[in-house]
Amino acid sequence: QVQLVESGGGLVQPGGSLRLSCAASRIIFSIRTMAWYRQAPGKQRDMVAYKTSDGRTNYADSVKGRFTISRDNAKNTVYLEMNSLKPEDTAVYYCNQFPSLPDTWGQGTQVTVSS
């Protein structure tokens, strides 16, 4: 079964930065489109960004110009660089394929943006 382990979250002030990591195992990582998602309290889980195996990217409008997704196929890891963070970015962040695989979510990593 696919395993996804997210890390790198934390508490940061508005305008700050964080870098999230997601290590994947038991999948042929290099051929997958990998994505980051987030879920704020009381809201549905939404796609934040994805990156295809050939390097194309797509971002939610709310994070364009502030977040950057990258991947290291040799390490089976996908990253999310988050800059100029806003309180509305507060959520639990998850990685998964895009479209997501059902029943394959990791534990996520909490990002809290607050002064």
Protein backbone atom coordinates (compact mmCIF):
# COMPACT_ATOMS: atom_id res chain seq x y z
CA GLN A 1 0.00 0.00 0.00
CA VAL A 2 1.18 3.52 -0.82
CA GLN A 3 2.61 5.41 2.13
CA LEU A 4 2.87 9.19 2.31
CA VAL A 5 4.61 10.99 5.17
CA GLU A 6 4.36 14.77 5.38
CA SER A 7 6.61 16.99 7.51
CA GLY A 8 7.79 20.56 7.91
CA GLY A 9 4.72 22.30 9.26
CA GLY A 10 4.68 24.62 12.23
CA LEU A 11 3.67 27.97 13.62
CA VAL A 12 4.80 30.98 11.60
CA GLN A 13 3.99 34.67 11.63
CA PRO A 14 2.18 36.33 8.72
CA GLY A 15 4.65 37.03 5.94
CA GLY A 16 6.85 34.14 6.98
CA SER A 17 7.95 31.04 5.10
CA LEU A 18 7.88 27.28 5.50
CA ARG A 19 9.03 24.34 3.44
CA LEU A 20 6.98 21.17 3.54
CA SER A 21 8.23 17.74 2.53
CA CYS A 22 6.41 14.56 1.62
CA ALA A 23 8.15 11.22 1.32
CA ALA A 24 6.35 8.59 -0.72
CA SER A 25 6.92 4.87 -0.73
CA ARG A 26 5.50 1.84 -2.49
CA ILE A 27 4.64 3.76 -5.65
CA ILE A 28 6.46 4.34 -8.91
CA PHE A 29 6.95 7.96 -7.89
CA SER A 30 8.66 9.22 -11.00
CA ILE A 31 5.68 8.67 -13.30
CA ARG A 32 3.06 10.16 -10.98
CA THR A 33 1.61 13.62 -10.86
CA MET A 34 2.12 14.61 -7.25
CA ALA A 35 0.16 17.27 -5.45
CA TRP A 36 -0.26 19.12 -2.21
CA TYR A 37 -3.68 19.57 -0.67
CA ARG A 38 -4.87 21.39 2.42
CA GLN A 39 -7.85 21.25 4.72
CA ALA A 40 -8.81 24.05 7.07
CA PRO A 41 -11.12 23.40 10.03
CA GLY A 42 -14.70 22.94 8.88
CA LYS A 43 -13.78 23.06 5.20
CA GLN A 44 -13.24 20.52 2.46
CA ARG A 45 -9.79 19.40 1.39
CA ASP A 46 -8.62 21.36 -1.65
CA MET A 47 -5.76 20.97 -4.09
CA VAL A 48 -3.05 23.58 -3.58
CA ALA A 49 -0.54 22.67 -6.27
CA TYR A 50 0.54 19.77 -8.43
CA LYS A 51 3.55 18.87 -10.53
CA THR A 52 3.50 16.34 -13.34
CA SER A 53 6.21 13.82 -14.11
CA ASP A 54 7.37 16.01 -17.01
CA GLY A 55 7.57 19.13 -14.87
CA ARG A 56 4.35 21.00 -15.56
CA THR A 57 2.85 22.75 -12.57
CA ASN A 58 -0.53 24.09 -11.58
CA TYR A 59 -1.46 26.19 -8.57
CA ALA A 60 -4.66 27.23 -6.87
CA ASP A 61 -5.33 30.92 -7.48
CA SER A 62 -5.02 31.64 -3.77
CA VAL A 63 -1.36 30.58 -3.66
CA LYS A 64 -0.06 31.60 -7.09
CA GLY A 65 3.13 33.61 -6.81
CA ARG A 66 3.66 32.60 -3.18
CA PHE A 67 3.98 28.80 -3.21
CA THR A 68 6.30 26.62 -5.27
CA ILE A 69 6.00 22.86 -5.68
CA SER A 70 9.05 20.81 -6.54
CA ARG A 71 10.01 17.17 -6.55
CA ASP A 72 13.07 14.97 -6.26
CA ASN A 73 12.35 11.70 -8.04
CA ALA A 74 15.56 10.13 -6.76
CA LYS A 75 14.30 10.62 -3.21
CA ASN A 76 10.60 9.95 -3.93
CA THR A 77 9.91 13.28 -2.28
CA VAL A 78 7.74 16.26 -3.16
CA TYR A 79 8.19 19.67 -1.58
CA LEU A 80 6.10 22.79 -1.08
CA GLU A 81 7.91 26.07 -0.54
CA MET A 82 5.51 28.56 1.01
CA ASN A 83 6.35 32.25 1.18
CA SER A 84 4.42 35.36 2.22
CA LEU A 85 2.18 33.20 4.36
CA LYS A 86 -1.22 34.53 5.37
CA PRO A 87 -3.54 33.53 8.22
CA GLU A 88 -5.89 32.01 5.64
CA ASP A 89 -3.15 29.54 4.73
CA THR A 90 -3.67 27.89 8.13
CA ALA A 91 -4.63 24.27 7.51
CA VAL A 92 -3.43 20.69 7.63
CA TYR A 93 -1.38 20.05 4.50
CA TYR A 94 -1.32 16.67 2.77
CA CYS A 95 0.35 15.23 -0.28
CA ASN A 96 -1.08 12.66 -2.66
CA GLN A 97 -1.24 11.92 -6.32
CA PHE A 98 -3.37 14.10 -8.57
CA PRO A 99 -6.11 13.09 -8.89
CA SER A 100 -5.83 11.77 -5.38
CA LEU A 101 -5.79 8.09 -4.50
CA PRO A 102 -8.64 7.22 -2.15
CA ASP A 103 -7.74 5.87 1.29
CA THR A 104 -4.10 6.81 0.80
CA TRP A 105 -3.83 9.97 2.83
CA GLY A 106 -1.00 10.44 5.30
CA GLN A 107 -1.29 12.12 8.65
CA GLY A 108 -0.67 15.56 7.19
CA THR A 109 1.34 18.40 8.67
CA GLN A 110 -0.21 21.35 10.48
CA VAL A 111 0.58 24.85 9.27
CA THR A 112 -0.55 27.70 11.48
CA VAL A 113 -0.06 31.30 10.41
CA SER A 114 -0.64 33.65 13.30
CA SER A 115 0.95 36.57 15.09
